[in-house]
Amino acid sequence: MAANKSFKALNIAVLTFSDKRDSSNDSTGDAIQQWAEQAGHNVAHREVIVHNQHLIRAAVCQLIAADEIDVVLTNGGTGFAPDNVTQAAIEPLLDAKVDGFGELFRMLSYEDIGSSSLQSRAFAGITNRTFIAAVPGSGGAAQLAWNQLLKPQLDSRQGPCNFVGHLLKGGA
Protein backbone atom coordinates (compact mmCIF):
# COMPACT_ATOMS: atom_id res chain seq x y z
CA MET A 1 0.00 0.00 0.00
CA ALA A 2 1.12 3.50 -0.71
CA ALA A 3 2.28 5.23 2.46
CA ASN A 4 1.32 8.73 1.31
CA LYS A 5 -2.40 8.01 0.88
CA SER A 6 -4.90 8.25 3.72
CA PHE A 7 -7.68 5.78 4.43
CA LYS A 8 -11.22 6.79 3.41
CA ALA A 9 -13.99 4.98 5.27
CA LEU A 10 -16.80 4.10 2.87
CA ASN A 11 -20.50 3.75 3.64
CA ILE A 12 -21.52 0.25 2.64
CA ALA A 13 -24.89 -1.42 2.15
CA VAL A 14 -24.98 -5.21 2.57
CA LEU A 15 -27.84 -7.00 0.82
CA THR A 16 -28.56 -10.72 1.06
CA PHE A 17 -30.79 -12.29 -1.57
CA SER A 18 -32.38 -15.48 -0.27
CA ASP A 19 -35.67 -17.28 0.18
CA LYS A 20 -34.23 -19.20 3.15
CA ARG A 21 -32.49 -16.52 5.20
CA ASP A 22 -33.78 -13.64 7.28
CA SER A 23 -32.09 -11.15 9.57
CA SER A 24 -31.81 -13.76 12.34
CA ASN A 25 -29.79 -16.30 10.31
CA ASP A 26 -28.00 -14.26 7.64
CA SER A 27 -24.54 -15.65 8.37
CA THR A 28 -22.94 -14.46 5.13
CA GLY A 29 -24.39 -10.96 5.49
CA ASP A 30 -23.18 -10.91 9.10
CA ALA A 31 -19.69 -11.93 7.97
CA ILE A 32 -19.54 -9.29 5.22
CA GLN A 33 -20.61 -6.64 7.72
CA GLN A 34 -17.94 -7.79 10.17
CA TRP A 35 -15.19 -7.78 7.52
CA ALA A 36 -16.18 -4.33 6.26
CA GLU A 37 -16.24 -2.87 9.77
CA GLN A 38 -12.92 -4.51 10.67
CA ALA A 39 -11.45 -2.85 7.57
CA GLY A 40 -12.63 0.55 8.90
CA HIS A 41 -15.75 1.03 6.77
CA ASN A 42 -19.28 1.84 7.96
CA VAL A 43 -22.15 -0.53 7.25
CA ALA A 44 -24.98 1.96 6.80
CA HIS A 45 -27.65 -0.46 5.58
CA ARG A 46 -28.43 -4.18 5.91
CA GLU A 47 -31.31 -6.02 4.31
CA VAL A 48 -32.42 -9.52 3.34
CA ILE A 49 -34.56 -9.65 0.20
CA VAL A 50 -36.29 -12.66 -1.34
CA HIS A 51 -35.31 -13.81 -4.84
CA ASN A 52 -37.55 -11.41 -6.76
CA GLN A 53 -36.05 -9.44 -9.62
CA HIS A 54 -38.29 -6.42 -9.08
CA LEU A 55 -37.75 -6.22 -5.30
CA ILE A 56 -34.00 -6.57 -5.76
CA ARG A 57 -33.88 -3.91 -8.47
CA ALA A 58 -36.02 -1.51 -6.42
CA ALA A 59 -33.80 -1.90 -3.34
CA VAL A 60 -30.60 -1.43 -5.33
CA CYS A 61 -32.04 1.61 -7.14
CA GLN A 62 -32.79 3.28 -3.79
CA LEU A 63 -29.27 2.62 -2.56
CA ILE A 64 -27.47 3.86 -5.66
CA ALA A 65 -29.58 7.03 -5.59
CA ALA A 66 -28.66 7.68 -1.94
CA ASP A 67 -25.76 10.11 -1.57
CA GLU A 68 -24.71 8.46 1.69
CA ILE A 69 -24.08 5.00 0.15
CA ASP A 70 -20.74 4.44 -1.60
CA VAL A 71 -20.78 0.66 -1.99
CA VAL A 72 -23.46 -2.02 -2.31
CA LEU A 73 -22.23 -5.54 -1.53
CA THR A 74 -24.71 -8.29 -2.33
CA ASN A 75 -24.59 -11.99 -1.68
CA GLY A 76 -26.76 -14.76 -3.02
CA GLY A 77 -28.58 -15.41 -6.25
CA THR A 78 -25.52 -15.57 -8.52
CA GLY A 79 -25.84 -19.19 -9.64
CA PHE A 80 -28.02 -20.84 -12.27
CA ALA A 81 -31.03 -21.92 -10.20
CA PRO A 82 -34.27 -20.59 -11.70
CA ASP A 83 -34.76 -18.16 -8.79
CA ASN A 84 -31.24 -16.72 -9.03
CA VAL A 85 -32.10 -13.34 -10.54
CA THR A 86 -29.38 -11.11 -9.10
CA GLN A 87 -27.61 -10.57 -12.40
CA ALA A 88 -30.83 -9.87 -14.32
CA ALA A 89 -31.97 -7.43 -11.64
CA ILE A 90 -28.77 -5.42 -11.22
CA GLU A 91 -26.68 -5.51 -14.40
CA PRO A 92 -29.06 -3.26 -16.41
CA LEU A 93 -28.52 -0.57 -13.75
CA LEU A 94 -24.74 -0.43 -14.20
CA ASP A 95 -23.04 2.45 -16.01
CA ALA A 96 -19.86 0.38 -16.30
CA LYS A 97 -19.30 -3.29 -15.63
CA VAL A 98 -16.03 -4.34 -13.98
CA ASP A 99 -15.51 -7.35 -16.25
CA GLY A 100 -12.34 -8.45 -14.52
CA PHE A 101 -14.13 -8.90 -11.19
CA GLY A 102 -16.13 -11.95 -12.25
CA GLU A 103 -13.24 -13.35 -14.25
CA LEU A 104 -10.79 -13.01 -11.38
CA PHE A 105 -13.30 -14.31 -8.83
CA ARG A 106 -13.88 -17.46 -10.89
CA MET A 107 -10.13 -17.94 -11.35
CA LEU A 108 -9.50 -17.66 -7.61
CA SER A 109 -12.52 -19.84 -6.87
CA TYR A 110 -11.23 -22.47 -9.31
CA GLU A 111 -8.23 -22.96 -7.03
CA ASP A 112 -10.66 -24.02 -4.26
CA ILE A 113 -13.53 -25.77 -6.03
CA GLY A 114 -12.27 -26.59 -9.50
CA SER A 115 -14.59 -26.45 -12.48
CA SER A 116 -17.61 -25.80 -10.23
CA SER A 117 -16.42 -22.19 -10.25
CA LEU A 118 -17.95 -21.92 -13.74
CA GLN A 119 -21.38 -21.88 -12.10
CA SER A 120 -20.79 -18.54 -10.40
CA ARG A 121 -22.08 -15.41 -12.08
CA ALA A 122 -20.36 -13.07 -9.61
CA PHE A 123 -20.00 -9.59 -11.08
CA ALA A 124 -19.28 -5.97 -10.19
CA GLY A 125 -19.83 -2.56 -11.67
CA ILE A 126 -20.19 1.14 -11.02
CA THR A 127 -23.25 3.32 -11.36
CA ASN A 128 -23.97 6.81 -10.02
CA ARG A 129 -20.54 6.76 -8.34
CA THR A 130 -21.57 3.65 -6.39
CA PHE A 131 -19.57 0.42 -6.57
CA ILE A 132 -21.73 -2.71 -6.63
CA ALA A 133 -20.45 -6.26 -6.23
CA ALA A 134 -22.55 -9.41 -6.34
CA VAL A 135 -21.00 -12.55 -4.88
CA PRO A 136 -22.34 -16.00 -4.04
CA GLY A 137 -24.18 -16.55 -0.77
CA SER A 138 -21.69 -19.19 0.34
CA GLY A 139 -19.62 -17.92 3.26
CA GLY A 140 -16.42 -19.29 1.76
CA ALA A 141 -17.04 -17.66 -1.61
CA ALA A 142 -17.93 -14.34 0.02
CA GLN A 143 -14.77 -14.48 2.12
CA LEU A 144 -12.66 -15.20 -0.96
CA ALA A 145 -14.21 -12.22 -2.76
CA TRP A 146 -13.74 -9.95 0.26
CA ASN A 147 -10.15 -10.91 1.05
CA GLN A 148 -8.77 -11.11 -2.47
CA LEU A 149 -10.79 -8.53 -4.41
CA LEU A 150 -13.07 -6.26 -2.42
CA LYS A 151 -11.01 -5.35 0.63
CA PRO A 152 -7.97 -4.24 -1.40
CA GLN A 153 -10.00 -2.35 -4.01
CA LEU A 154 -12.11 -0.54 -1.39
CA ASP A 155 -8.99 0.70 0.40
CA SER A 156 -7.96 4.18 -0.72
CA ARG A 157 -4.34 3.36 0.17
CA GLN A 158 -4.18 0.45 -2.29
CA GLY A 159 -1.87 1.07 -5.20
CA PRO A 160 -1.35 1.46 -7.97
CA CYS A 161 -5.11 2.01 -8.16
CA ASN A 162 -8.40 1.29 -6.40
CA PHE A 163 -12.09 2.10 -6.81
CA VAL A 164 -12.38 4.66 -4.00
CA GLY A 165 -11.63 7.66 -6.21
CA HIS A 166 -14.53 6.72 -8.47
CA LEU A 167 -16.99 6.76 -5.57
CA LEU A 168 -16.64 10.20 -4.05
CA LYS A 169 -20.15 11.56 -4.68
CA GLY A 170 -19.77 14.79 -2.75
CA GLY A 171 -16.46 15.67 -4.38
CA ALA A 172 -14.66 14.94 -1.11
C-alpha atoms as a PDB file:
ATOM      1  CA  MET A   1       0.000   0.000   0.000  1.00  0.00           C
ATOM      2  CA  ALA A   2       1.117   3.500  -0.707  1.00  0.00           C
ATOM      3  CA  ALA A   3       2.281   5.230   2.463  1.00  0.00           C
ATOM      4  CA  ASN A   4       1.317   8.728   1.311  1.00  0.00           C
ATOM      5  CA  LYS A   5      -2.402   8.014   0.881  1.00  0.00           C
ATOM      6  CA  SER A   6      -4.896   8.253   3.723  1.00  0.00           C
ATOM      7  CA  PHE A   7      -7.684   5.784   4.433  1.00  0.00           C
ATOM      8  CA  LYS A   8     -11.215   6.787   3.411  1.00  0.00           C
ATOM      9  CA  ALA A   9     -13.989   4.981   5.270  1.00  0.00           C
ATOM     10  CA  LEU A  10     -16.798   4.099   2.873  1.00  0.00           C
ATOM     11  CA  ASN A  11     -20.496   3.747   3.637  1.00  0.00           C
ATOM     12  CA  ILE A  12     -21.517   0.253   2.635  1.00  0.00           C
ATOM     13  CA  ALA A  13     -24.886  -1.419   2.154  1.00  0.00           C
ATOM     14  CA  VAL A  14     -24.984  -5.206   2.570  1.00  0.00           C
ATOM     15  CA  LEU A  15     -27.840  -7.002   0.819  1.00  0.00           C
ATOM     16  CA  THR A  16     -28.563 -10.717   1.062  1.00  0.00           C
ATOM     17  CA  PHE A  17     -30.791 -12.288  -1.574  1.00  0.00           C
ATOM     18  CA  SER A  18     -32.378 -15.477  -0.275  1.00  0.00           C
ATOM     19  CA  ASP A  19     -35.670 -17.275   0.176  1.00  0.00           C
ATOM     20  CA  LYS A  20     -34.225 -19.203   3.146  1.00  0.00           C
ATOM     21  CA  ARG A  21     -32.490 -16.521   5.196  1.00  0.00           C
ATOM     22  CA  ASP A  22     -33.779 -13.640   7.279  1.00  0.00           C
ATOM     23  CA  SER A  23     -32.086 -11.150   9.573  1.00  0.00           C
ATOM     24  CA  SER A  24     -31.810 -13.756  12.337  1.00  0.00           C
ATOM     25  CA  ASN A  25     -29.793 -16.297  10.315  1.00  0.00           C
ATOM     26  CA  ASP A  26     -28.001 -14.262   7.637  1.00  0.00           C
ATOM     27  CA  SER A  27     -24.539 -15.647   8.371  1.00  0.00           C
ATOM     28  CA  THR A  28     -22.942 -14.459   5.126  1.00  0.00           C
ATOM     29  CA  GLY A  29     -24.392 -10.956   5.488  1.00  0.00           C
ATOM     30  CA  ASP A  30     -23.177 -10.908   9.101  1.00  0.00           C
ATOM     31  CA  ALA A  31     -19.687 -11.927   7.965  1.00  0.00           C
ATOM     32  CA  ILE A  32     -19.543  -9.289   5.216  1.00  0.00           C
ATOM     33  CA  GLN A  33     -20.608  -6.636   7.722  1.00  0.00           C
ATOM     34  CA  GLN A  34     -17.937  -7.788  10.167  1.00  0.00           C
ATOM     35  CA  TRP A  35     -15.187  -7.782   7.520  1.00  0.00           C
ATOM     36  CA  ALA A  36     -16.183  -4.327   6.261  1.00  0.00           C
ATOM     37  CA  GLU A  37     -16.240  -2.872   9.769  1.00  0.00           C
ATOM     38  CA  GLN A  38     -12.923  -4.512  10.666  1.00  0.00           C
ATOM     39  CA  ALA A  39     -11.455  -2.848   7.569  1.00  0.00           C
ATOM     40  CA  GLY A  40     -12.634   0.546   8.895  1.00  0.00           C
ATOM     41  CA  HIS A  41     -15.747   1.035   6.769  1.00  0.00           C
ATOM     42  CA  ASN A  42     -19.279   1.841   7.962  1.00  0.00           C
ATOM     43  CA  VAL A  43     -22.153  -0.527   7.248  1.00  0.00           C
ATOM     44  CA  ALA A  44     -24.976   1.963   6.804  1.00  0.00           C
ATOM     45  CA  HIS A  45     -27.649  -0.456   5.579  1.00  0.00           C
ATOM     46  CA  ARG A  46     -28.426  -4.182   5.914  1.00  0.00           C
ATOM     47  CA  GLU A  47     -31.309  -6.019   4.311  1.00  0.00           C
ATOM     48  CA  VAL A  48     -32.420  -9.522   3.343  1.00  0.00           C
ATOM     49  CA  ILE A  49     -34.558  -9.651   0.198  1.00  0.00           C
ATOM     50  CA  VAL A  50     -36.292 -12.658  -1.343  1.00  0.00           C
ATOM     51  CA  HIS A  51     -35.311 -13.805  -4.843  1.00  0.00           C
ATOM     52  CA  ASN A  52     -37.547 -11.415  -6.756  1.00  0.00           C
ATOM     53  CA  GLN A  53     -36.051  -9.445  -9.617  1.00  0.00           C
ATOM     54  CA  HIS A  54     -38.286  -6.419  -9.078  1.00  0.00           C
ATOM     55  CA  LEU A  55     -37.755  -6.222  -5.303  1.00  0.00           C
ATOM     56  CA  ILE A  56     -33.996  -6.575  -5.758  1.00  0.00           C
ATOM     57  CA  ARG A  57     -33.876  -3.911  -8.468  1.00  0.00           C
ATOM     58  CA  ALA A  58     -36.016  -1.509  -6.420  1.00  0.00           C
ATOM     59  CA  ALA A  59     -33.796  -1.900  -3.343  1.00  0.00           C
ATOM     60  CA  VAL A  60     -30.595  -1.433  -5.327  1.00  0.00           C
ATOM     61  CA  CYS A  61     -32.044   1.613  -7.136  1.00  0.00           C
ATOM     62  CA  GLN A  62     -32.786   3.278  -3.793  1.00  0.00           C
ATOM     63  CA  LEU A  63     -29.268   2.616  -2.562  1.00  0.00           C
ATOM     64  CA  ILE A  64     -27.470   3.861  -5.663  1.00  0.00           C
ATOM     65  CA  ALA A  65     -29.583   7.029  -5.586  1.00  0.00           C
ATOM     66  CA  ALA A  66     -28.663   7.683  -1.942  1.00  0.00           C
ATOM     67  CA  ASP A  67     -25.761  10.108  -1.572  1.00  0.00           C
ATOM     68  CA  GLU A  68     -24.715   8.460   1.685  1.00  0.00           C
ATOM     69  CA  ILE A  69     -24.080   4.998   0.147  1.00  0.00           C
ATOM     70  CA  ASP A  70     -20.735   4.444  -1.601  1.00  0.00           C
ATOM     71  CA  VAL A  71     -20.784   0.665  -1.994  1.00  0.00           C
ATOM     72  CA  VAL A  72     -23.460  -2.019  -2.312  1.00  0.00           C
ATOM     73  CA  LEU A  73     -22.235  -5.537  -1.529  1.00  0.00           C
ATOM     74  CA  THR A  74     -24.710  -8.288  -2.326  1.00  0.00           C
ATOM     75  CA  ASN A  75     -24.589 -11.992  -1.676  1.00  0.00           C
ATOM     76  CA  GLY A  76     -26.765 -14.763  -3.016  1.00  0.00           C
ATOM     77  CA  GLY A  77     -28.580 -15.411  -6.253  1.00  0.00           C
ATOM     78  CA  THR A  78     -25.521 -15.569  -8.522  1.00  0.00           C
ATOM     79  CA  GLY A  79     -25.842 -19.186  -9.638  1.00  0.00           C
ATOM     80  CA  PHE A  80     -28.022 -20.835 -12.266  1.00  0.00           C
ATOM     81  CA  ALA A  81     -31.026 -21.923 -10.198  1.00  0.00           C
ATOM     82  CA  PRO A  82     -34.270 -20.585 -11.700  1.00  0.00           C
ATOM     83  CA  ASP A  83     -34.764 -18.162  -8.789  1.00  0.00           C
ATOM     84  CA  ASN A  84     -31.236 -16.719  -9.028  1.00  0.00           C
ATOM     85  CA  VAL A  85     -32.103 -13.340 -10.537  1.00  0.00           C
ATOM     86  CA  THR A  86     -29.383 -11.106  -9.096  1.00  0.00           C
ATOM     87  CA  GLN A  87     -27.607 -10.575 -12.398  1.00  0.00           C
ATOM     88  CA  ALA A  88     -30.834  -9.871 -14.322  1.00  0.00           C
ATOM     89  CA  ALA A  89     -31.975  -7.427 -11.638  1.00  0.00           C
ATOM     90  CA  ILE A  90     -28.768  -5.422 -11.224  1.00  0.00           C
ATOM     91  CA  GLU A  91     -26.679  -5.509 -14.405  1.00  0.00           C
ATOM     92  CA  PRO A  92     -29.062  -3.256 -16.411  1.00  0.00           C
ATOM     93  CA  LEU A  93     -28.519  -0.569 -13.747  1.00  0.00           C
ATOM     94  CA  LEU A  94     -24.737  -0.432 -14.198  1.00  0.00           C
ATOM     95  CA  ASP A  95     -23.042   2.449 -16.012  1.00  0.00           C
ATOM     96  CA  ALA A  96     -19.858   0.382 -16.299  1.00  0.00           C
ATOM     97  CA  LYS A  97     -19.295  -3.290 -15.630  1.00  0.00           C
ATOM     98  CA  VAL A  98     -16.028  -4.342 -13.985  1.00  0.00           C
ATOM     99  CA  ASP A  99     -15.511  -7.351 -16.250  1.00  0.00           C
ATOM    100  CA  GLY A 100     -12.339  -8.447 -14.518  1.00  0.00           C
ATOM    101  CA  PHE A 101     -14.131  -8.901 -11.194  1.00  0.00           C
ATOM    102  CA  GLY A 102     -16.131 -11.946 -12.253  1.00  0.00           C
ATOM    103  CA  GLU A 103     -13.235 -13.349 -14.249  1.00  0.00           C
ATOM    104  CA  LEU A 104     -10.786 -13.011 -11.382  1.00  0.00           C
ATOM    105  CA  PHE A 105     -13.304 -14.306  -8.830  1.00  0.00           C
ATOM    106  CA  ARG A 106     -13.879 -17.455 -10.890  1.00  0.00           C
ATOM    107  CA  MET A 107     -10.127 -17.936 -11.352  1.00  0.00           C
ATOM    108  CA  LEU A 108      -9.499 -17.660  -7.610  1.00  0.00           C
ATOM    109  CA  SER A 109     -12.516 -19.840  -6.868  1.00  0.00           C
ATOM    110  CA  TYR A 110     -11.228 -22.467  -9.306  1.00  0.00           C
ATOM    111  CA  GLU A 111      -8.228 -22.961  -7.030  1.00  0.00           C
ATOM    112  CA  ASP A 112     -10.661 -24.020  -4.260  1.00  0.00           C
ATOM    113  CA  ILE A 113     -13.534 -25.770  -6.027  1.00  0.00           C
ATOM    114  CA  GLY A 114     -12.272 -26.595  -9.505  1.00  0.00           C
ATOM    115  CA  SER A 115     -14.593 -26.449 -12.477  1.00  0.00           C
ATOM    116  CA  SER A 116     -17.612 -25.802 -10.225  1.00  0.00           C
ATOM    117  CA  SER A 117     -16.421 -22.187 -10.255  1.00  0.00           C
ATOM    118  CA  LEU A 118     -17.951 -21.916 -13.738  1.00  0.00           C
ATOM    119  CA  GLN A 119     -21.376 -21.881 -12.103  1.00  0.00           C
ATOM    120  CA  SER A 120     -20.789 -18.535 -10.402  1.00  0.00           C
ATOM    121  CA  ARG A 121     -22.076 -15.406 -12.084  1.00  0.00           C
ATOM    122  CA  ALA A 122     -20.355 -13.071  -9.613  1.00  0.00           C
ATOM    123  CA  PHE A 123     -20.002  -9.586 -11.078  1.00  0.00           C
ATOM    124  CA  ALA A 124     -19.279  -5.974 -10.192  1.00  0.00           C
ATOM    125  CA  GLY A 125     -19.829  -2.556 -11.667  1.00  0.00           C
ATOM    126  CA  ILE A 126     -20.191   1.139 -11.016  1.00  0.00           C
ATOM    127  CA  THR A 127     -23.250   3.320 -11.361  1.00  0.00           C
ATOM    128  CA  ASN A 128     -23.965   6.806 -10.019  1.00  0.00           C
ATOM    129  CA  ARG A 129     -20.540   6.756  -8.338  1.00  0.00           C
ATOM    130  CA  THR A 130     -21.571   3.647  -6.391  1.00  0.00           C
ATOM    131  CA  PHE A 131     -19.573   0.422  -6.566  1.00  0.00           C
ATOM    132  CA  ILE A 132     -21.733  -2.710  -6.634  1.00  0.00           C
ATOM    133  CA  ALA A 133     -20.448  -6.257  -6.226  1.00  0.00           C
ATOM    134  CA  ALA A 134     -22.552  -9.412  -6.341  1.00  0.00           C
ATOM    135  CA  VAL A 135     -20.996 -12.546  -4.881  1.00  0.00           C
ATOM    136  CA  PRO A 136     -22.340 -15.995  -4.044  1.00  0.00           C
ATOM    137  CA  GLY A 137     -24.176 -16.550  -0.769  1.00  0.00           C
ATOM    138  CA  SER A 138     -21.693 -19.190   0.343  1.00  0.00           C
ATOM    139  CA  GLY A 139     -19.620 -17.923   3.259  1.00  0.00           C
ATOM    140  CA  GLY A 140     -16.415 -19.285   1.765  1.00  0.00           C
ATOM    141  CA  ALA A 141     -17.044 -17.658  -1.607  1.00  0.00           C
ATOM    142  CA  ALA A 142     -17.926 -14.336   0.021  1.00  0.00           C
ATOM    143  CA  GLN A 143     -14.767 -14.480   2.124  1.00  0.00           C
ATOM    144  CA  LEU A 144     -12.664 -15.199  -0.962  1.00  0.00           C
ATOM    145  CA  ALA A 145     -14.214 -12.223  -2.759  1.00  0.00           C
ATOM    146  CA  TRP A 146     -13.738  -9.946   0.257  1.00  0.00           C
ATOM    147  CA  ASN A 147     -10.152 -10.909   1.048  1.00  0.00           C
ATOM    148  CA  GLN A 148      -8.774 -11.109  -2.473  1.00  0.00           C
ATOM    149  CA  LEU A 149     -10.788  -8.529  -4.407  1.00  0.00           C
ATOM    150  CA  LEU A 150     -13.075  -6.261  -2.417  1.00  0.00           C
ATOM    151  CA  LYS A 151     -11.010  -5.348   0.634  1.00  0.00           C
ATOM    152  CA  PRO A 152      -7.973  -4.243  -1.398  1.00  0.00           C
ATOM    153  CA  GLN A 153      -9.999  -2.346  -4.010  1.00  0.00           C
ATOM    154  CA  LEU A 154     -12.111  -0.544  -1.389  1.00  0.00           C
ATOM    155  CA  ASP A 155      -8.987   0.695   0.399  1.00  0.00           C
ATOM    156  CA  SER A 156      -7.960   4.181  -0.725  1.00  0.00           C
ATOM    157  CA  ARG A 157      -4.341   3.361   0.168  1.00  0.00           C
ATOM    158  CA  GLN A 158      -4.177   0.449  -2.288  1.00  0.00           C
ATOM    159  CA  GLY A 159      -1.871   1.066  -5.199  1.00  0.00           C
ATOM    160  CA  PRO A 160      -1.347   1.462  -7.974  1.00  0.00           C
ATOM    161  CA  CYS A 161      -5.107   2.012  -8.164  1.00  0.00           C
ATOM    162  CA  ASN A 162      -8.405   1.287  -6.403  1.00  0.00           C
ATOM    163  CA  PHE A 163     -12.091   2.101  -6.806  1.00  0.00           C
ATOM    164  CA  VAL A 164     -12.385   4.658  -4.000  1.00  0.00           C
ATOM    165  CA  GLY A 165     -11.627   7.659  -6.214  1.00  0.00           C
ATOM    166  CA  HIS A 166     -14.528   6.720  -8.474  1.00  0.00           C
ATOM    167  CA  LEU A 167     -16.987   6.755  -5.571  1.00  0.00           C
ATOM    168  CA  LEU A 168     -16.641  10.197  -4.047  1.00  0.00           C
ATOM    169  CA  LYS A 169     -20.146  11.561  -4.680  1.00  0.00           C
ATOM    170  CA  GLY A 170     -19.767  14.785  -2.748  1.00  0.00           C
ATOM    171  CA  GLY A 171     -16.463  15.668  -4.385  1.00  0.00           C
ATOM    172  CA  ALA A 172     -14.662  14.943  -1.105  1.00  0.00           C
END
